[in-house]
Amino acid sequence: MSLTTRVLLAGLPLVLFSTHAMAQTPSANKWQKGYVFAAVGNSTYRIFTNKGVFVEQITSGFRSRNTTGAAFDSKFNLWTTEFQGARVTAYQFAHPHKVFKTFLTSRTGGRSTESIVFDAKGNLYVGHADGDRTIKKYDPTGKLLATYKVKTDRRGTDWIDLAADQRTMWYTSEGRRIMRYDVVSNKQLADFTSIPGSGNVYSLRLLPPFDGSTGLLVADGLNVKRLDKAGKVIKTYDAPSQNQWFSMNLDPNGTSFWAGDLRTNKFYRFNIATGKIEVGPISSGGVQLGGLAVLGEITGGNTAPQFTSPTPCDQTLTATVGVPFSFGARAVDVNAGDIVTLTAVGTPSGATFTPSLPAKGNPVSSTFKWTPSKGQIGNHSITLTATDRGGLKTSCIIRIVVNSCAAKASWSNYGTGWKGTFGIPSIRLSAPPVVCKTTTLRLGNSLRKSTPGCLLISTASLKLKIWDGTFYVDLTKPGAIELATLIPASGLNLPLAIPCDLPRICGLKIYVQGILIDPGASKGISYSPGLRMVIGH
């Protein structure tokens, strides 16, 4: 549980907010992000939650002994490979997940279909372990668009993965090499690396940003290896009694991956950074675990666009009646050649986006401008959505609180204070106290050692001489408080979240003074000057 504490100036109560992780409830009716699809043979895929709970199984009825790699299109339909049948079969995302498309790659020379990746335009590439051993490109109707006669090793184009540049295809061929091919210029590229050792290299996955700069993961039989950008093995992943790691996919959480063993039919989720097993073992059942797919997996073939600076995603902004207000929005897609469409829902009356929405580009930008009226005081929410040509989208919620505050936020010191061992303690704010924003109250330490102290806080000031110092805060007013605290040697830093939901907060004057126990001061106490703040916009 995460906690955020706000100190509200009117009486300084503590308000605690908590967030809890939502548990994933199994549902056969609606596939959910993070569900794992295990290719178990006999043209069947068994589906599990991201905690390993079995949900359902789907079967095409074509009875291929082995089912292997699979991928999701932009509508989250599942496209699968049936190895012996040399067939691609697609299941609908919508319940009851019927087969809506199937075609034979053997008609175009491919056999032993083993893996699928989509590009940003929604076309699919299929790897073939046998037959003509090529990589083939199809449109979603099954029409052959291109055949790539790539260099191979012991088998054909076993497992494939498309980089974010939409042209570099990374693949294995059941040897030790990881090879690359340019699908735009139709040219064989230099091998990425040849992994030391013996045995067969199977599935691979580029790591974000999916260009090889952060390396990749590869299933290498005895274990799963992580390679750096130079092709050097920098980490291995394994589990007891698993010696034929074959299939592998990234988890949507961005920190984990799933891998399965071809012989034991067990699969696991590993943490990429630590190597720790997070989930598993999970028994897939079936004839043989020949592949995995994870709903929501991000790959280089098509990554969702992302909002970037200066877009204030998931922030609460403050606007004032009659005062011009603006923010910038920007989204970008790492997939080369992709186009991003920017749209908005909830735009307040009188507000504009320039250029107007929907806007297109990569990156795509627009500026929001608005001068709220008196009738628009309150809370507003705008949802921006960036969508690429493949249908992948990312949303960004921006909340705006409109208040009628005409006061200008400010702060200043008054009075002189009383010196301690190392002078007079300072007191200041890090920024003006703006409605709905956070500033920090900073009280210096005249002793330069941790010492008890307190803050006097009120809505009125006075000038009262006591001993050799002066009180500048009127503690007789309703709501005034004396806040005892320990002052660190480096001084006190107290975050103050200025509320936007309290009545009459605008224009409110708050007076604060700090008092410290300081043996070097007259009477053993030092005082800061007074601090006067005005809450406003």
Protein backbone atom coordinates (compact mmCIF):
# COMPACT_ATOMS: atom_id res chain seq x y z
CA MET A 1 0.00 0.00 0.00
CA SER A 2 1.32 3.45 -0.85
CA LEU A 3 0.50 6.45 1.28
CA THR A 4 0.56 10.15 0.45
CA THR A 5 0.22 12.65 3.25
CA ARG A 6 -1.12 16.16 2.77
CA VAL A 7 -0.93 18.90 5.39
CA LEU A 8 -3.92 21.23 5.02
CA LEU A 9 -3.37 24.73 6.31
CA ALA A 10 -6.79 25.20 7.92
CA GLY A 11 -6.09 23.42 11.18
CA LEU A 12 -3.41 21.14 9.65
CA PRO A 13 -5.30 17.81 9.70
CA LEU A 14 -3.60 14.86 8.03
CA VAL A 15 -5.39 13.31 5.06
CA LEU A 16 -4.25 9.84 3.96
CA PHE A 17 -4.91 8.36 0.56
CA SER A 18 -4.21 4.71 -0.25
CA THR A 19 -4.10 2.65 -3.42
CA HIS A 20 -4.46 -1.11 -3.65
CA ALA A 21 -3.46 -3.44 -6.50
CA MET A 22 -6.51 -4.89 -8.21
CA ALA A 23 -6.63 -8.66 -8.37
CA GLN A 24 -7.22 -10.18 -11.79
CA THR A 25 -10.46 -12.17 -11.84
CA PRO A 26 -10.51 -15.10 -14.31
CA SER A 27 -13.02 -14.61 -17.11
CA ALA A 28 -13.54 -16.83 -20.13
CA ASN A 29 -15.97 -14.29 -21.54
CA LYS A 30 -13.43 -11.50 -21.80
CA TRP A 31 -9.71 -12.01 -22.20
CA GLN A 32 -7.74 -9.63 -20.01
CA LYS A 33 -4.39 -7.92 -20.30
CA GLY A 34 -1.68 -10.22 -19.01
CA TYR A 35 -3.48 -13.48 -19.86
CA VAL A 36 -1.01 -16.15 -21.03
CA PHE A 37 -1.91 -18.34 -24.02
CA ALA A 38 -0.09 -21.68 -24.05
CA ALA A 39 0.22 -23.60 -27.33
CA VAL A 40 -0.33 -27.19 -26.16
CA GLY A 41 -0.80 -29.08 -29.45
CA ASN A 42 -3.75 -30.69 -31.24
CA SER A 43 -4.58 -27.23 -32.64
CA THR A 44 -5.31 -26.09 -29.09
CA TYR A 45 -4.32 -23.15 -26.90
CA ARG A 46 -4.92 -23.16 -23.14
CA ILE A 47 -5.42 -19.79 -21.46
CA PHE A 48 -4.26 -18.74 -17.98
CA THR A 49 -4.38 -15.56 -15.91
CA ASN A 50 -1.12 -13.76 -15.18
CA LYS A 51 -1.12 -15.59 -11.84
CA GLY A 52 -1.32 -18.98 -13.55
CA VAL A 53 -5.00 -19.73 -12.97
CA PHE A 54 -6.53 -21.75 -15.82
CA VAL A 55 -9.34 -19.91 -17.64
CA GLU A 56 -10.35 -21.88 -20.75
CA GLN A 57 -9.04 -23.54 -23.90
CA ILE A 58 -9.73 -22.86 -27.57
CA THR A 59 -9.37 -25.30 -30.45
CA SER A 60 -9.50 -24.80 -34.20
CA GLY A 61 -10.33 -28.44 -34.96
CA PHE A 62 -7.61 -28.84 -37.61
CA ARG A 63 -5.67 -31.29 -35.40
CA SER A 64 -2.11 -30.17 -35.97
CA ARG A 65 -0.02 -32.14 -33.45
CA ASN A 66 1.97 -29.04 -32.47
CA THR A 67 0.81 -25.48 -32.03
CA THR A 68 3.58 -22.93 -31.67
CA GLY A 69 4.15 -19.16 -31.62
CA ALA A 70 1.25 -16.70 -31.66
CA ALA A 71 0.61 -12.95 -31.62
CA PHE A 72 -2.23 -10.46 -31.17
CA ASP A 73 -3.42 -7.92 -33.71
CA SER A 74 -4.48 -4.37 -32.80
CA LYS A 75 -8.01 -5.58 -31.94
CA PHE A 76 -6.56 -8.25 -29.60
CA ASN A 77 -7.59 -11.12 -31.86
CA LEU A 78 -5.24 -14.08 -31.40
CA TRP A 79 -3.30 -15.27 -34.49
CA THR A 80 -1.74 -18.71 -34.05
CA THR A 81 0.53 -21.12 -35.90
CA GLU A 82 -0.18 -24.81 -36.43
CA PHE A 83 3.19 -26.41 -37.03
CA GLN A 84 2.51 -29.63 -38.98
CA GLY A 85 -0.52 -28.11 -40.68
CA ALA A 86 1.52 -25.17 -42.02
CA ARG A 87 -1.47 -23.04 -41.11
CA VAL A 88 -2.20 -19.65 -39.57
CA THR A 89 -5.44 -19.55 -37.56
CA ALA A 90 -7.01 -16.46 -35.96
CA TYR A 91 -9.46 -16.42 -33.03
CA GLN A 92 -11.77 -13.52 -32.21
CA PHE A 93 -11.14 -11.50 -29.07
CA ALA A 94 -14.89 -11.37 -28.43
CA HIS A 95 -16.51 -14.30 -26.66
CA PRO A 96 -16.92 -17.14 -27.63
CA HIS A 97 -13.59 -16.57 -29.43
CA LYS A 98 -14.49 -18.25 -32.70
CA VAL A 99 -12.05 -18.89 -35.53
CA PHE A 100 -12.58 -16.08 -38.02
CA LYS A 101 -9.60 -16.53 -40.33
CA THR A 102 -7.34 -19.36 -41.42
CA PHE A 103 -4.95 -19.86 -44.33
CA LEU A 104 -2.26 -22.33 -45.37
CA THR A 105 1.28 -21.00 -45.71
CA SER A 106 2.19 -24.25 -47.50
CA ARG A 107 0.41 -22.87 -50.58
CA THR A 108 3.18 -20.30 -50.85
CA GLY A 109 6.07 -22.69 -50.08
CA GLY A 110 6.23 -22.44 -46.31
CA ARG A 111 6.06 -25.44 -44.00
CA SER A 112 6.31 -25.87 -40.23
CA THR A 113 4.89 -22.46 -39.35
CA GLU A 114 6.46 -21.54 -36.04
CA SER A 115 6.16 -17.86 -35.17
CA ILE A 116 4.23 -14.68 -36.01
CA VAL A 117 4.88 -10.96 -35.51
CA PHE A 118 2.78 -7.99 -36.59
CA ASP A 119 4.10 -4.72 -37.96
CA ALA A 120 2.70 -1.27 -37.22
CA LYS A 121 0.42 -1.41 -40.27
CA GLY A 122 -1.26 -4.64 -39.18
CA ASN A 123 0.53 -6.96 -41.61
CA LEU A 124 1.93 -10.21 -40.26
CA TYR A 125 5.26 -11.94 -40.76
CA VAL A 126 5.44 -15.72 -40.42
CA GLY A 127 8.57 -17.79 -39.77
CA HIS A 128 8.92 -21.31 -41.20
CA ALA A 129 11.23 -23.96 -39.77
CA ASP A 130 10.97 -26.10 -42.91
CA GLY A 131 9.78 -25.99 -46.52
CA ASP A 132 11.42 -23.10 -48.34
CA ARG A 133 12.62 -21.83 -44.89
CA THR A 134 11.66 -18.27 -45.73
CA ILE A 135 9.98 -15.48 -43.81
CA LYS A 136 6.68 -14.57 -45.42
CA LYS A 137 4.67 -11.38 -45.11
CA TYR A 138 0.86 -11.46 -45.36
CA ASP A 139 -1.89 -8.91 -45.03
CA PRO A 140 -4.74 -9.67 -42.57
CA THR A 141 -6.77 -11.36 -45.32
CA GLY A 142 -4.02 -13.94 -45.85
CA LYS A 143 -2.75 -12.40 -49.08
CA LEU A 144 0.97 -12.98 -49.58
CA LEU A 145 2.76 -9.64 -49.82
CA ALA A 146 6.42 -10.70 -49.81
CA THR A 147 8.77 -13.65 -49.39
CA TYR A 148 12.20 -13.11 -47.82
CA LYS A 149 14.85 -15.69 -48.71
CA VAL A 150 17.03 -15.25 -45.68
CA LYS A 151 20.19 -17.03 -44.58
CA THR A 152 19.46 -20.01 -42.34
CA ASP A 153 21.28 -22.44 -40.07
CA ARG A 154 20.22 -25.96 -38.96
CA ARG A 155 16.54 -25.28 -39.66
CA GLY A 156 14.63 -22.49 -41.33
CA THR A 157 13.36 -19.20 -39.92
CA ASP A 158 12.48 -20.64 -36.57
CA TRP A 159 11.53 -17.66 -34.38
CA ILE A 160 11.31 -14.06 -35.57
CA ASP A 161 11.03 -10.60 -33.98
CA LEU A 162 10.65 -7.26 -35.78
CA ALA A 163 12.55 -4.21 -34.53
CA ALA A 164 10.90 -0.85 -33.90
CA ASP A 165 12.41 0.56 -37.11
CA GLN A 166 9.92 -1.70 -38.96
CA ARG A 167 12.65 -3.09 -41.19
CA THR A 168 15.16 -5.13 -39.17
CA MET A 169 13.95 -8.69 -38.66
CA TRP A 170 15.81 -10.61 -35.96
CA TYR A 171 15.56 -14.40 -36.11
CA THR A 172 16.99 -17.75 -35.06
CA SER A 173 17.42 -20.97 -37.04
CA GLU A 174 17.99 -23.64 -34.36
CA GLY A 175 21.74 -23.10 -34.57
CA ARG A 176 23.81 -20.79 -32.34
CA ARG A 177 23.51 -17.64 -34.41
CA ILE A 178 21.12 -14.74 -34.03
CA MET A 179 20.65 -13.33 -37.50
CA ARG A 180 19.14 -10.20 -39.03
CA TYR A 181 17.50 -9.27 -42.30
CA ASP A 182 16.33 -5.93 -43.74
CA VAL A 183 12.75 -6.49 -44.94
CA VAL A 184 12.60 -3.07 -46.61
CA SER A 185 15.72 -3.30 -48.78
CA ASN A 186 15.59 -7.12 -49.02
CA LYS A 187 19.16 -7.47 -47.80
CA GLN A 188 20.81 -9.90 -45.45
CA LEU A 189 22.47 -8.06 -42.57
CA ALA A 190 25.45 -9.08 -40.48
CA ASP A 191 24.73 -11.63 -37.76
CA PHE A 192 24.10 -10.06 -34.37
CA THR A 193 26.08 -12.74 -32.60
CA SER A 194 26.90 -16.43 -32.32
CA ILE A 195 26.21 -17.67 -28.81
CA PRO A 196 28.98 -19.83 -27.30
CA GLY A 197 28.11 -23.43 -26.49
CA SER A 198 26.14 -26.16 -28.20
CA GLY A 199 22.50 -26.96 -28.72
CA ASN A 200 19.68 -25.09 -30.39
CA VAL A 201 18.67 -21.47 -29.95
CA TYR A 202 14.90 -20.98 -30.14
CA SER A 203 12.63 -18.02 -29.35
CA LEU A 204 13.97 -14.51 -28.93
CA ARG A 205 12.62 -11.14 -27.83
CA LEU A 206 14.16 -7.71 -28.26
CA LEU A 207 14.02 -5.56 -25.13
CA PRO A 208 12.66 -1.98 -25.12
CA PRO A 209 13.23 0.22 -27.08
CA PHE A 210 13.28 -2.80 -29.43
CA ASP A 211 16.28 -1.77 -31.52
CA GLY A 212 19.00 -3.95 -30.01
CA SER A 213 20.51 -1.11 -27.96
CA THR A 214 19.45 -2.80 -24.70
CA GLY A 215 19.99 -6.32 -25.98
CA LEU A 216 17.55 -9.20 -26.07
CA LEU A 217 16.38 -12.42 -24.44
CA VAL A 218 16.79 -15.81 -26.08
CA ALA A 219 15.63 -19.30 -25.10
CA ASP A 220 18.70 -21.51 -25.36
CA GLY A 221 17.51 -24.94 -24.30
CA LEU A 222 19.29 -25.36 -20.96
CA ASN A 223 18.39 -21.82 -19.89
CA VAL A 224 17.20 -18.42 -21.05
CA LYS A 225 19.95 -15.91 -21.73
CA ARG A 226 20.03 -12.13 -21.73
CA LEU A 227 22.44 -10.61 -24.22
CA ASP A 228 23.68 -7.03 -24.16
CA LYS A 229 23.90 -4.76 -27.19
CA ALA A 230 27.21 -6.34 -28.19
CA GLY A 231 25.78 -9.88 -28.06
CA LYS A 232 27.54 -10.81 -24.82
CA VAL A 233 25.69 -13.04 -22.34
CA ILE A 234 25.11 -10.93 -19.22
CA LYS A 235 22.50 -12.97 -17.35
CA THR A 236 20.86 -16.40 -17.36
CA TYR A 237 17.45 -17.55 -16.13
CA ASP A 238 16.51 -21.09 -15.14
CA ALA A 239 14.26 -23.23 -12.96
CA PRO A 240 14.80 -26.68 -11.41
CA SER A 241 14.51 -29.67 -13.78
CA GLN A 242 13.78 -27.48 -16.82
CA ASN A 243 16.27 -28.27 -19.59
CA GLN A 244 14.48 -27.49 -22.83
CA TRP A 245 13.54 -23.80 -22.72
CA PHE A 246 11.79 -23.17 -26.00
CA SER A 247 9.10 -20.47 -25.96
CA MET A 248 9.27 -16.96 -24.54
CA ASN A 249 7.32 -13.67 -24.48
CA LEU A 250 7.52 -10.37 -22.63
CA ASP A 251 5.00 -9.50 -19.93
CA PRO A 252 3.04 -6.24 -20.34
CA ASN A 253 4.36 -5.02 -16.97
CA GLY A 254 7.64 -4.16 -18.71
CA THR A 255 9.79 -5.85 -16.07
CA SER A 256 9.16 -9.56 -16.61
CA PHE A 257 9.02 -12.29 -19.25
CA TRP A 258 7.37 -15.70 -19.61
CA ALA A 259 9.24 -18.80 -20.75
CA GLY A 260 8.19 -22.40 -21.28
CA ASP A 261 9.90 -25.80 -21.41
CA LEU A 262 9.14 -27.97 -24.45
CA ARG A 263 9.54 -31.29 -22.60
CA THR A 264 8.03 -30.70 -19.15
CA ASN A 265 5.16 -28.51 -20.43
CA LYS A 266 5.78 -26.06 -17.59
CA PHE A 267 6.10 -22.31 -17.87
CA TYR A 268 7.20 -19.50 -15.57
CA ARG A 269 7.38 -15.73 -15.23
CA PHE A 270 10.82 -14.30 -14.48
CA ASN A 271 11.89 -10.84 -13.36
CA ILE A 272 14.24 -9.54 -16.04
CA ALA A 273 16.46 -7.54 -13.69
CA THR A 274 16.78 -9.98 -10.79
CA GLY A 275 16.16 -13.35 -12.44
CA LYS A 276 13.71 -14.22 -9.68
CA ILE A 277 10.81 -16.54 -10.53
CA GLU A 278 7.65 -14.49 -9.97
CA VAL A 279 5.03 -17.03 -11.08
CA GLY A 280 5.24 -20.77 -11.66
CA PRO A 281 5.71 -23.54 -12.32
CA ILE A 282 2.45 -23.72 -14.25
CA SER A 283 1.58 -26.97 -16.02
CA SER A 284 0.16 -26.24 -19.45
CA GLY A 285 -1.09 -29.76 -20.11
CA GLY A 286 -1.59 -30.99 -23.66
CA VAL A 287 0.76 -32.75 -26.06
CA GLN A 288 3.72 -30.37 -25.95
CA LEU A 289 4.22 -26.73 -24.93
CA GLY A 290 5.30 -25.33 -28.27
CA GLY A 291 4.69 -21.62 -27.77
CA LEU A 292 3.36 -18.80 -25.62
CA ALA A 293 1.57 -15.52 -26.24
CA VAL A 294 0.74 -12.80 -23.71
CA LEU A 295 -2.16 -10.41 -24.22
CA GLY A 296 -0.84 -6.86 -24.06
CA GLU A 297 2.77 -7.78 -24.83
CA ILE A 298 4.61 -4.84 -26.34
CA THR A 299 7.03 -5.71 -29.13
CA GLY A 300 9.03 -3.81 -31.69
CA GLY A 301 6.59 -4.88 -34.40
CA ASN A 302 4.04 -2.44 -33.09
CA THR A 303 4.35 -0.50 -29.89
CA ALA A 304 1.62 1.80 -28.67
CA PRO A 305 2.26 5.55 -28.97
CA GLN A 306 3.26 7.35 -25.79
CA PHE A 307 2.62 10.81 -24.42
CA THR A 308 5.78 12.80 -23.75
CA SER A 309 6.69 16.13 -22.19
CA PRO A 310 5.12 18.67 -21.89
CA THR A 311 1.86 16.68 -21.67
CA PRO A 312 0.64 16.87 -18.02
CA CYS A 313 -0.78 13.33 -17.88
CA ASP A 314 -2.43 12.25 -14.62
CA GLN A 315 -1.97 15.71 -13.13
CA THR A 316 -4.45 18.12 -11.55
CA LEU A 317 -3.98 21.63 -12.89
CA THR A 318 -5.44 24.84 -11.53
CA ALA A 319 -7.19 27.49 -13.61
CA THR A 320 -8.79 30.75 -12.53
CA VAL A 321 -11.89 32.49 -13.82
CA GLY A 322 -10.94 35.17 -16.34
CA VAL A 323 -7.27 34.16 -16.47
CA PRO A 324 -5.89 32.60 -19.70
CA PHE A 325 -4.81 29.00 -19.15
CA SER A 326 -2.90 26.60 -21.43
CA PHE A 327 -0.90 23.39 -21.64
CA GLY A 328 0.88 21.47 -24.38
CA ALA A 329 0.18 17.92 -25.52
CA ARG A 330 2.60 15.71 -27.43
CA ALA A 331 2.59 12.03 -28.42
CA VAL A 332 5.12 9.94 -30.32
CA ASP A 333 5.40 6.38 -31.65
CA VAL A 334 8.81 4.70 -31.79
CA ASN A 335 7.73 2.63 -34.80
CA ALA A 336 9.34 4.18 -37.85
CA GLY A 337 6.83 5.34 -40.44
CA ASP A 338 3.84 5.03 -38.12
CA ILE A 339 1.27 7.82 -37.86
CA VAL A 340 -0.29 8.91 -34.56
CA THR A 341 -3.76 10.44 -34.31
CA LEU A 342 -4.40 12.69 -31.31
CA THR A 343 -7.99 13.13 -30.08
CA ALA A 344 -9.64 14.60 -26.98
CA VAL A 345 -12.85 14.00 -25.05
CA GLY A 346 -14.21 16.38 -22.42
CA THR A 347 -12.88 19.64 -23.85
CA PRO A 348 -14.65 22.45 -21.94
CA SER A 349 -16.84 24.96 -23.78
CA GLY A 350 -14.77 27.83 -25.12
CA ALA A 351 -11.49 25.88 -25.02
CA THR A 352 -9.46 25.19 -28.16
CA PHE A 353 -6.67 22.92 -29.34
CA THR A 354 -4.21 24.34 -31.89
CA PRO A 355 -3.83 22.67 -34.32
CA SER A 356 -7.39 21.46 -33.99
CA LEU A 357 -8.10 17.83 -33.12
CA PRO A 358 -7.98 15.21 -34.44
CA ALA A 359 -4.39 15.96 -35.40
CA LYS A 360 -1.98 13.54 -37.06
CA GLY A 361 1.78 13.13 -37.18
CA ASN A 362 4.71 11.39 -35.52
CA PRO A 363 5.30 13.13 -33.26
CA VAL A 364 1.96 14.93 -33.05
CA SER A 365 1.46 18.04 -30.92
CA SER A 366 -1.29 20.46 -30.01
CA THR A 367 -1.73 23.33 -27.54
CA PHE A 368 -4.78 23.65 -25.29
CA LYS A 369 -5.98 27.20 -24.53
CA TRP A 370 -8.87 28.30 -22.34
CA THR A 371 -10.10 31.29 -20.36
CA PRO A 372 -12.68 29.87 -17.93
CA SER A 373 -15.89 31.78 -17.17
CA LYS A 374 -17.72 32.09 -13.83
CA GLY A 375 -20.13 29.36 -14.89
CA GLN A 376 -17.22 26.91 -15.25
CA ILE A 377 -16.00 26.97 -11.65
CA GLY A 378 -15.35 23.42 -10.45
CA ASN A 379 -13.72 20.22 -11.69
CA HIS A 380 -13.10 19.31 -15.33
CA SER A 381 -11.49 16.25 -16.89
CA ILE A 382 -10.01 15.95 -20.39
CA THR A 383 -9.01 12.58 -21.83
CA LEU A 384 -6.41 12.66 -24.60
CA THR A 385 -5.94 9.56 -26.73
CA ALA A 386 -3.04 8.80 -29.07
CA THR A 387 -3.78 6.03 -31.60
CA ASP A 388 -1.42 4.53 -34.17
CA ARG A 389 -2.32 3.07 -37.56
CA GLY A 390 -2.42 -0.41 -36.09
CA GLY A 391 -5.09 0.62 -33.61
CA LEU A 392 -2.87 0.57 -30.52
CA LYS A 393 -3.69 3.48 -28.26
CA THR A 394 -2.66 5.22 -25.08
CA SER A 395 -4.85 7.54 -23.03
CA CYS A 396 -3.90 10.46 -20.83
CA ILE A 397 -6.24 12.08 -18.30
CA ILE A 398 -5.75 15.73 -17.34
CA ARG A 399 -7.83 17.19 -14.52
CA ILE A 400 -8.45 20.92 -14.26
CA VAL A 401 -9.86 22.67 -11.20
CA VAL A 402 -11.33 26.09 -11.97
CA ASN A 403 -11.63 28.48 -9.03
CA SER A 404 -12.76 32.07 -8.71
CA CYS A 405 -9.69 33.10 -6.80
CA ALA A 406 -8.65 36.63 -7.72
CA ALA A 407 -5.91 36.89 -5.08
CA LYS A 408 -2.30 36.65 -6.13
CA ALA A 409 -0.35 34.00 -4.25
CA SER A 410 2.59 35.49 -2.33
CA TRP A 411 4.74 35.23 0.75
CA SER A 412 7.04 37.58 2.66
CA ASN A 413 8.89 37.91 5.95
CA TYR A 414 8.15 40.47 8.63
CA GLY A 415 9.82 41.28 11.94
CA THR A 416 13.43 40.58 12.82
CA GLY A 417 13.47 37.38 14.87
CA TRP A 418 15.99 36.60 17.60
CA LYS A 419 19.43 35.13 17.06
CA GLY A 420 20.69 31.84 18.37
CA THR A 421 24.16 30.26 18.36
CA PHE A 422 24.64 30.82 14.63
CA GLY A 423 22.33 33.71 13.94
CA ILE A 424 18.62 34.15 13.36
CA PRO A 425 16.71 31.10 12.04
CA SER A 426 15.37 31.76 8.57
CA ILE A 427 11.83 30.92 7.49
CA ARG A 428 10.58 30.90 3.91
CA LEU A 429 8.49 29.10 1.28
CA SER A 430 9.95 27.29 -1.71
CA ALA A 431 7.21 28.74 -3.95
CA PRO A 432 4.11 30.93 -3.60
CA PRO A 433 1.11 29.14 -2.00
CA VAL A 434 -0.98 28.53 -5.12
CA VAL A 435 -4.39 26.89 -4.80
CA CYS A 436 -4.24 23.12 -5.53
CA LYS A 437 -0.45 23.04 -5.55
CA THR A 438 2.26 22.12 -3.06
CA THR A 439 4.91 24.39 -1.61
CA THR A 440 7.51 23.67 1.07
CA LEU A 441 7.91 25.57 4.34
CA ARG A 442 11.62 25.79 5.19
CA LEU A 443 12.78 26.67 8.71
CA GLY A 444 16.49 27.12 9.32
CA ASN A 445 18.35 25.82 12.36
CA SER A 446 20.38 28.38 14.34
CA LEU A 447 22.01 25.64 16.43
CA ARG A 448 23.11 23.51 13.46
CA LYS A 449 22.27 20.45 15.53
CA SER A 450 19.04 18.53 15.79
CA THR A 451 16.93 20.30 18.40
CA PRO A 452 13.32 20.50 19.61
CA GLY A 453 11.23 23.34 18.28
CA CYS A 454 7.78 24.32 17.15
CA LEU A 455 5.83 26.23 14.53
CA LEU A 456 3.25 28.83 15.48
CA ILE A 457 0.51 29.04 12.85
CA SER A 458 -2.46 31.40 12.75
CA THR A 459 -4.67 33.52 10.52
CA ALA A 460 -3.65 36.70 12.33
CA SER A 461 -0.43 38.40 13.34
CA LEU A 462 0.65 40.44 16.33
CA LYS A 463 3.79 41.82 17.89
CA LEU A 464 4.28 40.58 21.44
CA LYS A 465 7.60 41.01 23.25
CA ILE A 466 8.50 38.06 25.48
CA TRP A 467 11.92 37.95 27.14
CA ASP A 468 14.40 39.04 24.51
CA GLY A 469 12.32 37.87 21.52
CA THR A 470 9.07 38.76 19.82
CA PHE A 471 6.01 36.63 18.97
CA TYR A 472 4.59 37.57 15.57
CA VAL A 473 1.72 35.04 15.43
CA ASP A 474 -1.59 35.50 17.25
CA LEU A 475 -2.40 32.17 18.92
CA THR A 476 -5.69 33.47 20.36
CA LYS A 477 -7.47 33.19 17.00
CA PRO A 478 -9.73 30.16 16.26
CA GLY A 479 -7.82 27.44 14.43
CA ALA A 480 -4.40 28.71 15.54
CA ILE A 481 -2.03 25.94 16.55
CA GLU A 482 1.38 25.29 18.01
CA LEU A 483 3.01 22.40 16.16
CA ALA A 484 5.83 20.80 18.15
CA THR A 485 8.47 19.06 16.06
CA LEU A 486 12.14 18.10 15.96
CA ILE A 487 14.20 20.48 13.84
CA PRO A 488 16.93 18.58 11.93
CA ALA A 489 20.45 20.00 11.90
CA SER A 490 19.99 21.05 8.28
CA GLY A 491 16.64 22.68 9.00
CA LEU A 492 13.00 21.66 8.68
CA ASN A 493 11.35 21.09 5.28
CA LEU A 494 7.58 20.72 5.60
CA PRO A 495 5.52 20.14 2.40
CA LEU A 496 2.28 22.13 2.43
CA ALA A 497 -0.40 21.00 -0.02
CA ILE A 498 -2.69 23.97 -0.62
CA PRO A 499 -6.23 22.58 -0.93
CA CYS A 500 -8.59 23.46 -3.73
CA ASP A 501 -11.72 22.06 -2.14
CA LEU A 502 -12.01 24.16 1.03
CA PRO A 503 -14.36 27.19 1.14
CA ARG A 504 -12.85 30.67 1.44
CA ILE A 505 -9.33 29.36 0.92
CA CYS A 506 -8.63 31.95 -1.79
CA GLY A 507 -7.05 35.09 -0.37
CA LEU A 508 -6.58 33.51 3.05
CA LYS A 509 -3.65 34.96 4.99
CA ILE A 510 -1.57 32.57 7.08
CA TYR A 511 1.10 33.66 9.56
CA VAL A 512 3.89 31.32 10.67
CA GLN A 513 6.84 31.64 13.03
CA GLY A 514 9.49 29.11 14.07
CA ILE A 515 10.87 28.71 17.60
CA LEU A 516 13.93 26.59 18.45
CA ILE A 517 15.60 25.40 21.64
CA ASP A 518 19.10 26.88 21.32
CA PRO A 519 21.44 27.01 24.37
CA GLY A 520 23.48 29.73 22.70
CA ALA A 521 20.52 32.12 22.55
CA SER A 522 19.36 34.48 25.26
CA LYS A 523 16.99 32.50 27.51
CA GLY A 524 17.95 29.41 25.49
CA ILE A 525 15.44 30.06 22.71
CA SER A 526 15.83 31.51 19.21
CA TYR A 527 13.06 32.83 16.98
CA SER A 528 12.63 33.17 13.24
CA PRO A 529 11.06 36.27 11.73
CA GLY A 530 7.38 35.98 10.91
CA LEU A 531 6.24 34.55 7.58
CA ARG A 532 3.12 35.92 5.93
CA MET A 533 1.56 33.95 3.08
CA VAL A 534 -1.42 34.78 0.91
CA ILE A 535 -3.15 31.84 -0.78
CA GLY A 536 -4.12 32.61 -4.35
CA HIS A 537 -3.48 31.79 -7.99
